[in-house]
Amino acid sequence: MQLRSSVLCLCLFSSLSQAAVNCSALAEKISGTVPEFHPSVQGKVIGTGRVHFHEAPDEACANKKIFVIPGDALTIYSILEDESWLEVNYIAEDGEDYTGWVKADRVEIGRPYGAPPEGENDTPADDAQ
């Protein structure tokens, strides 16, 4: 019986701590402090099901109204140091764009924008004129 009480207390504490996350404050705190990609990098949603955007890199900060699905293209701006979350941008078919945080394990990271296509060799110096 004591074990059940401990588990119940742990679950209650866990939900209280998630509810106590101030997503706006967290987003402001990390703004400008996470490693950024320069130039930004291409990404593609992988896995199955919806990937919800988050206001800040925390499960409690999900925005259930904004999501992408597998195959959608993303622009990746930054990544947390532990590589668990990515700050991304998505442009919807209607032209609206959305920026937020998504779990990194649901995104395939591609090439930097502006990079030459894979397999394309650099032009030899004597051919450039």
N, C-alpha and C. Protein backbone atom coordinates (compact mmCIF):
# COMPACT_ATOMS: atom_id res chain seq x y z
N MET A 1 0.82 -1.19 0.00
CA MET A 1 0.00 0.00 0.00
C MET A 1 0.86 1.26 0.00
N GLN A 2 1.99 1.20 0.71
CA GLN A 2 2.85 2.36 0.78
C GLN A 2 3.45 2.65 -0.60
N LEU A 3 3.76 1.61 -1.37
CA LEU A 3 4.30 1.79 -2.71
C LEU A 3 3.28 2.50 -3.60
N ARG A 4 2.02 2.11 -3.54
CA ARG A 4 0.99 2.77 -4.35
C ARG A 4 0.88 4.24 -3.99
N SER A 5 0.95 4.57 -2.71
CA SER A 5 0.87 5.97 -2.29
C SER A 5 2.05 6.76 -2.85
N SER A 6 3.23 6.14 -2.83
CA SER A 6 4.42 6.82 -3.36
C SER A 6 4.28 7.08 -4.85
N VAL A 7 3.78 6.09 -5.57
CA VAL A 7 3.61 6.24 -7.01
C VAL A 7 2.57 7.31 -7.30
N LEU A 8 1.48 7.33 -6.55
CA LEU A 8 0.45 8.34 -6.72
C LEU A 8 1.01 9.73 -6.45
N CYS A 9 1.79 9.88 -5.39
CA CYS A 9 2.40 11.17 -5.08
C CYS A 9 3.35 11.60 -6.19
N LEU A 10 4.14 10.65 -6.70
CA LEU A 10 5.07 10.95 -7.76
C LEU A 10 4.31 11.42 -9.01
N CYS A 11 3.21 10.75 -9.34
CA CYS A 11 2.41 11.14 -10.50
C CYS A 11 1.81 12.52 -10.32
N LEU A 12 1.30 12.80 -9.15
CA LEU A 12 0.72 14.11 -8.89
C LEU A 12 1.78 15.20 -8.97
N PHE A 13 2.94 14.94 -8.39
CA PHE A 13 4.03 15.91 -8.43
C PHE A 13 4.47 16.15 -9.87
N SER A 14 4.55 15.08 -10.64
CA SER A 14 4.96 15.17 -12.04
C SER A 14 3.98 16.04 -12.83
N SER A 15 2.67 15.84 -12.64
CA SER A 15 1.70 16.66 -13.37
C SER A 15 1.73 18.10 -12.90
N LEU A 16 1.95 18.33 -11.62
CA LEU A 16 2.03 19.69 -11.13
C LEU A 16 3.24 20.41 -11.70
N SER A 17 4.36 19.70 -11.80
CA SER A 17 5.56 20.35 -12.32
C SER A 17 5.39 20.68 -13.79
N GLN A 18 4.69 19.83 -14.56
CA GLN A 18 4.46 20.14 -15.97
C GLN A 18 3.53 21.33 -16.11
N ALA A 19 2.51 21.39 -15.26
CA ALA A 19 1.57 22.50 -15.34
C ALA A 19 2.24 23.81 -14.92
N ALA A 20 3.31 23.73 -14.15
CA ALA A 20 3.98 24.92 -13.65
C ALA A 20 4.96 25.52 -14.66
N VAL A 21 5.13 24.91 -15.83
CA VAL A 21 6.06 25.43 -16.83
C VAL A 21 5.47 26.72 -17.41
N ASN A 22 6.25 27.79 -17.36
CA ASN A 22 5.86 29.05 -17.97
C ASN A 22 6.51 29.06 -19.35
N CYS A 23 5.74 28.67 -20.36
CA CYS A 23 6.29 28.49 -21.71
C CYS A 23 6.84 29.78 -22.29
N SER A 24 6.17 30.89 -22.08
CA SER A 24 6.64 32.17 -22.61
C SER A 24 7.98 32.54 -21.98
N ALA A 25 8.09 32.35 -20.67
CA ALA A 25 9.34 32.67 -19.98
C ALA A 25 10.47 31.75 -20.45
N LEU A 26 10.17 30.48 -20.63
CA LEU A 26 11.17 29.53 -21.11
C LEU A 26 11.63 29.92 -22.52
N ALA A 27 10.69 30.25 -23.40
CA ALA A 27 11.04 30.64 -24.76
C ALA A 27 11.92 31.89 -24.75
N GLU A 28 11.58 32.85 -23.91
CA GLU A 28 12.37 34.08 -23.82
C GLU A 28 13.76 33.80 -23.25
N LYS A 29 13.82 32.91 -22.25
CA LYS A 29 15.09 32.59 -21.60
C LYS A 29 16.09 31.96 -22.58
N ILE A 30 15.61 31.06 -23.44
CA ILE A 30 16.53 30.37 -24.35
C ILE A 30 16.76 31.13 -25.65
N SER A 31 15.94 32.15 -25.92
CA SER A 31 16.08 32.92 -27.15
C SER A 31 17.50 33.48 -27.27
N GLY A 32 18.14 33.16 -28.39
CA GLY A 32 19.49 33.66 -28.63
C GLY A 32 20.60 32.89 -27.94
N THR A 33 20.24 31.84 -27.19
CA THR A 33 21.27 31.09 -26.46
C THR A 33 21.49 29.69 -27.02
N VAL A 34 20.62 29.23 -27.92
CA VAL A 34 20.78 27.88 -28.46
C VAL A 34 21.57 27.94 -29.76
N PRO A 35 22.32 26.88 -30.05
CA PRO A 35 23.11 26.86 -31.29
C PRO A 35 22.20 26.98 -32.52
N GLU A 36 22.58 27.85 -33.44
CA GLU A 36 21.80 28.08 -34.65
C GLU A 36 22.54 27.54 -35.86
N PHE A 37 21.76 27.18 -36.87
CA PHE A 37 22.34 26.78 -38.15
C PHE A 37 22.49 28.02 -39.01
N HIS A 38 23.69 28.23 -39.56
CA HIS A 38 23.93 29.33 -40.49
C HIS A 38 24.61 28.76 -41.71
N PRO A 39 23.99 28.72 -42.85
CA PRO A 39 22.60 29.09 -43.11
C PRO A 39 21.65 28.07 -42.50
N SER A 40 20.37 28.40 -42.53
CA SER A 40 19.38 27.46 -42.01
C SER A 40 19.42 26.18 -42.84
N VAL A 41 18.85 25.12 -42.29
CA VAL A 41 18.97 23.78 -42.85
C VAL A 41 17.59 23.26 -43.25
N GLN A 42 17.57 22.46 -44.30
CA GLN A 42 16.33 21.83 -44.74
C GLN A 42 16.00 20.67 -43.81
N GLY A 43 14.71 20.44 -43.61
CA GLY A 43 14.28 19.31 -42.82
C GLY A 43 13.01 18.72 -43.39
N LYS A 44 12.73 17.47 -43.00
CA LYS A 44 11.51 16.81 -43.46
C LYS A 44 10.93 16.02 -42.28
N VAL A 45 9.63 16.12 -42.09
CA VAL A 45 8.96 15.40 -41.01
C VAL A 45 8.96 13.91 -41.33
N ILE A 46 9.33 13.09 -40.35
CA ILE A 46 9.36 11.64 -40.51
C ILE A 46 8.52 10.98 -39.43
N GLY A 47 8.38 9.67 -39.52
CA GLY A 47 7.61 8.93 -38.53
C GLY A 47 6.14 8.86 -38.93
N THR A 48 5.29 8.67 -37.94
CA THR A 48 3.86 8.60 -38.21
C THR A 48 3.10 9.56 -37.31
N GLY A 49 2.02 10.07 -37.84
CA GLY A 49 1.15 10.94 -37.06
C GLY A 49 1.61 12.39 -37.06
N ARG A 50 0.81 13.20 -36.39
CA ARG A 50 1.07 14.63 -36.31
C ARG A 50 2.28 14.96 -35.43
N VAL A 51 2.94 16.06 -35.78
CA VAL A 51 4.02 16.60 -34.97
C VAL A 51 3.57 18.01 -34.59
N HIS A 52 3.21 18.20 -33.33
CA HIS A 52 2.71 19.49 -32.87
C HIS A 52 3.86 20.45 -32.61
N PHE A 53 3.62 21.71 -32.93
CA PHE A 53 4.58 22.75 -32.61
C PHE A 53 4.45 23.08 -31.13
N HIS A 54 5.55 23.52 -30.55
CA HIS A 54 5.60 23.91 -29.14
C HIS A 54 6.13 25.33 -29.05
N GLU A 55 5.60 26.10 -28.13
CA GLU A 55 6.05 27.49 -27.93
C GLU A 55 7.49 27.52 -27.41
N ALA A 56 7.85 26.52 -26.64
CA ALA A 56 9.20 26.37 -26.09
C ALA A 56 9.52 24.88 -26.09
N PRO A 57 10.80 24.51 -25.98
CA PRO A 57 11.17 23.10 -26.03
C PRO A 57 10.85 22.35 -24.74
N ASP A 58 9.55 22.12 -24.53
CA ASP A 58 9.08 21.39 -23.36
C ASP A 58 7.73 20.78 -23.73
N GLU A 59 7.51 19.53 -23.34
CA GLU A 59 6.25 18.84 -23.67
C GLU A 59 5.02 19.63 -23.21
N ALA A 60 5.15 20.37 -22.11
CA ALA A 60 4.01 21.11 -21.57
C ALA A 60 3.66 22.34 -22.42
N CYS A 61 4.48 22.67 -23.40
CA CYS A 61 4.28 23.89 -24.20
C CYS A 61 3.70 23.63 -25.58
N ALA A 62 3.03 22.49 -25.76
CA ALA A 62 2.48 22.12 -27.06
C ALA A 62 1.34 23.05 -27.48
N ASN A 63 1.30 23.35 -28.76
CA ASN A 63 0.19 24.08 -29.36
C ASN A 63 -0.57 23.06 -30.19
N LYS A 64 -1.70 22.61 -29.70
CA LYS A 64 -2.46 21.55 -30.36
C LYS A 64 -3.11 21.99 -31.66
N LYS A 65 -3.08 23.30 -31.95
CA LYS A 65 -3.69 23.80 -33.19
C LYS A 65 -2.71 23.83 -34.36
N ILE A 66 -1.41 23.80 -34.08
CA ILE A 66 -0.42 23.89 -35.15
C ILE A 66 0.40 22.60 -35.18
N PHE A 67 0.35 21.94 -36.32
CA PHE A 67 1.08 20.68 -36.46
C PHE A 67 1.49 20.47 -37.91
N VAL A 68 2.44 19.57 -38.11
CA VAL A 68 2.87 19.14 -39.43
C VAL A 68 2.73 17.62 -39.48
N ILE A 69 2.78 17.08 -40.68
CA ILE A 69 2.63 15.63 -40.85
C ILE A 69 3.83 15.08 -41.62
N PRO A 70 4.03 13.76 -41.57
CA PRO A 70 5.16 13.17 -42.28
C PRO A 70 5.20 13.60 -43.75
N GLY A 71 6.39 13.96 -44.20
CA GLY A 71 6.60 14.41 -45.57
C GLY A 71 6.64 15.93 -45.70
N ASP A 72 6.10 16.66 -44.72
CA ASP A 72 6.13 18.11 -44.78
C ASP A 72 7.57 18.62 -44.69
N ALA A 73 7.87 19.67 -45.47
CA ALA A 73 9.20 20.29 -45.46
C ALA A 73 9.26 21.37 -44.40
N LEU A 74 10.38 21.44 -43.72
CA LEU A 74 10.61 22.43 -42.67
C LEU A 74 11.92 23.16 -42.93
N THR A 75 12.04 24.36 -42.38
CA THR A 75 13.31 25.06 -42.32
C THR A 75 13.75 24.97 -40.87
N ILE A 76 14.97 24.51 -40.64
CA ILE A 76 15.48 24.33 -39.28
C ILE A 76 16.41 25.50 -38.96
N TYR A 77 16.08 26.22 -37.88
CA TYR A 77 16.87 27.37 -37.47
C TYR A 77 17.88 27.04 -36.38
N SER A 78 17.46 26.27 -35.38
CA SER A 78 18.37 25.99 -34.27
C SER A 78 18.04 24.65 -33.63
N ILE A 79 18.98 24.21 -32.79
CA ILE A 79 18.87 22.90 -32.13
C ILE A 79 19.37 23.06 -30.70
N LEU A 80 18.68 22.41 -29.77
CA LEU A 80 19.17 22.43 -28.39
C LEU A 80 20.49 21.69 -28.32
N GLU A 81 21.31 22.03 -27.34
CA GLU A 81 22.63 21.41 -27.23
C GLU A 81 22.55 19.90 -27.05
N ASP A 82 21.49 19.40 -26.40
CA ASP A 82 21.37 17.94 -26.25
C ASP A 82 20.72 17.31 -27.47
N GLU A 83 20.44 18.11 -28.50
CA GLU A 83 19.89 17.68 -29.79
C GLU A 83 18.52 17.03 -29.69
N SER A 84 17.74 17.38 -28.66
CA SER A 84 16.43 16.77 -28.48
C SER A 84 15.29 17.58 -29.11
N TRP A 85 15.50 18.87 -29.32
CA TRP A 85 14.47 19.76 -29.89
C TRP A 85 15.07 20.61 -30.99
N LEU A 86 14.24 20.93 -31.99
CA LEU A 86 14.63 21.81 -33.08
C LEU A 86 13.66 22.99 -33.16
N GLU A 87 14.19 24.16 -33.44
CA GLU A 87 13.33 25.31 -33.73
C GLU A 87 13.18 25.35 -35.25
N VAL A 88 11.93 25.29 -35.71
CA VAL A 88 11.67 25.14 -37.14
C VAL A 88 10.63 26.15 -37.62
N ASN A 89 10.55 26.25 -38.95
CA ASN A 89 9.54 27.06 -39.60
C ASN A 89 8.86 26.20 -40.64
N TYR A 90 7.54 26.39 -40.76
CA TYR A 90 6.75 25.66 -41.76
C TYR A 90 5.91 26.67 -42.52
N ILE A 91 5.89 26.55 -43.84
CA ILE A 91 5.04 27.41 -44.66
C ILE A 91 3.89 26.55 -45.18
N ALA A 92 2.68 26.90 -44.77
CA ALA A 92 1.48 26.15 -45.17
C ALA A 92 1.12 26.47 -46.63
N GLU A 93 0.25 25.64 -47.20
CA GLU A 93 -0.18 25.83 -48.58
C GLU A 93 -0.82 27.19 -48.82
N ASP A 94 -1.46 27.76 -47.79
CA ASP A 94 -2.11 29.07 -47.95
C ASP A 94 -1.13 30.23 -47.80
N GLY A 95 0.16 29.92 -47.61
CA GLY A 95 1.19 30.94 -47.51
C GLY A 95 1.50 31.38 -46.09
N GLU A 96 0.67 31.00 -45.13
CA GLU A 96 0.95 31.34 -43.72
C GLU A 96 2.18 30.57 -43.27
N ASP A 97 3.00 31.23 -42.45
CA ASP A 97 4.16 30.49 -41.93
C ASP A 97 4.11 30.45 -40.41
N TYR A 98 4.65 29.36 -39.87
CA TYR A 98 4.60 29.09 -38.45
C TYR A 98 5.98 28.70 -37.97
N THR A 99 6.38 29.24 -36.83
CA THR A 99 7.66 28.91 -36.23
C THR A 99 7.41 28.36 -34.84
N GLY A 100 8.13 27.31 -34.48
CA GLY A 100 8.00 26.71 -33.16
C GLY A 100 9.04 25.64 -32.96
N TRP A 101 8.90 24.95 -31.85
CA TRP A 101 9.83 23.87 -31.48
C TRP A 101 9.16 22.53 -31.71
N VAL A 102 9.92 21.55 -32.25
CA VAL A 102 9.44 20.18 -32.43
C VAL A 102 10.51 19.22 -31.92
N LYS A 103 10.08 18.01 -31.58
CA LYS A 103 11.03 16.98 -31.15
C LYS A 103 11.93 16.61 -32.32
N ALA A 104 13.23 16.59 -32.08
CA ALA A 104 14.22 16.34 -33.13
C ALA A 104 14.11 14.94 -33.73
N ASP A 105 13.64 13.97 -32.95
CA ASP A 105 13.57 12.61 -33.48
C ASP A 105 12.48 12.43 -34.53
N ARG A 106 11.67 13.46 -34.77
CA ARG A 106 10.62 13.41 -35.79
C ARG A 106 10.99 14.20 -37.05
N VAL A 107 12.25 14.63 -37.12
CA VAL A 107 12.69 15.42 -38.27
C VAL A 107 13.98 14.85 -38.85
N GLU A 108 13.97 14.66 -40.15
CA GLU A 108 15.19 14.26 -40.86
C GLU A 108 15.89 15.55 -41.26
N ILE A 109 17.11 15.71 -40.77
CA ILE A 109 17.86 16.93 -41.06
C ILE A 109 18.58 16.77 -42.40
N GLY A 110 18.38 17.76 -43.27
CA GLY A 110 18.96 17.72 -44.61
C GLY A 110 20.14 18.65 -44.75
N ARG A 111 20.26 19.20 -45.94
CA ARG A 111 21.40 20.04 -46.30
C ARG A 111 21.11 21.51 -46.00
N PRO A 112 22.15 22.29 -45.80
CA PRO A 112 21.95 23.74 -45.62
C PRO A 112 21.39 24.35 -46.90
N TYR A 113 20.54 25.36 -46.75
CA TYR A 113 20.04 26.08 -47.91
C TYR A 113 21.20 26.76 -48.61
N GLY A 114 21.21 26.68 -49.94
CA GLY A 114 22.27 27.30 -50.73
C GLY A 114 23.47 26.41 -50.96
N ALA A 115 23.51 25.24 -50.33
CA ALA A 115 24.64 24.32 -50.53
C ALA A 115 24.54 23.71 -51.93
N PRO A 116 25.69 23.45 -52.56
CA PRO A 116 25.63 22.81 -53.88
C PRO A 116 24.99 21.43 -53.77
N PRO A 117 24.35 20.96 -54.83
CA PRO A 117 23.74 19.63 -54.81
C PRO A 117 24.78 18.57 -54.48
N GLU A 118 24.34 17.51 -53.82
CA GLU A 118 25.26 16.42 -53.47
C GLU A 118 25.89 15.85 -54.74
N GLY A 119 27.18 15.54 -54.65
CA GLY A 119 27.89 14.93 -55.77
C GLY A 119 28.44 15.94 -56.76
N GLU A 120 28.04 17.21 -56.62
CA GLU A 120 28.57 18.23 -57.53
C GLU A 120 29.95 18.65 -57.04
N ASN A 121 30.93 18.52 -57.91
CA ASN A 121 32.31 18.88 -57.53
C ASN A 121 32.49 20.38 -57.66
N ASP A 122 33.45 20.89 -56.88
CA ASP A 122 33.79 22.31 -57.01
C ASP A 122 34.45 22.52 -58.36
N THR A 123 34.24 23.70 -58.94
CA THR A 123 34.84 24.04 -60.22
C THR A 123 36.34 24.24 -60.00
N PRO A 124 37.18 23.60 -60.80
CA PRO A 124 38.63 23.80 -60.66
C PRO A 124 38.97 25.28 -60.86
N ALA A 125 39.98 25.75 -60.15
CA ALA A 125 40.36 27.16 -60.17
C ALA A 125 40.73 27.64 -61.58
N ASP A 126 41.38 26.78 -62.39
CA ASP A 126 41.80 27.23 -63.73
C ASP A 126 40.63 27.31 -64.70
N ASP A 127 39.47 26.70 -64.40
CA ASP A 127 38.30 26.79 -65.26
C ASP A 127 37.47 28.03 -64.93
N ALA A 128 37.63 28.58 -63.75
CA ALA A 128 36.84 29.75 -63.35
C ALA A 128 37.46 31.00 -63.96
N GLN A 129 36.66 31.76 -64.69
CA GLN A 129 37.19 32.99 -65.28
C GLN A 129 36.17 34.05 -65.27
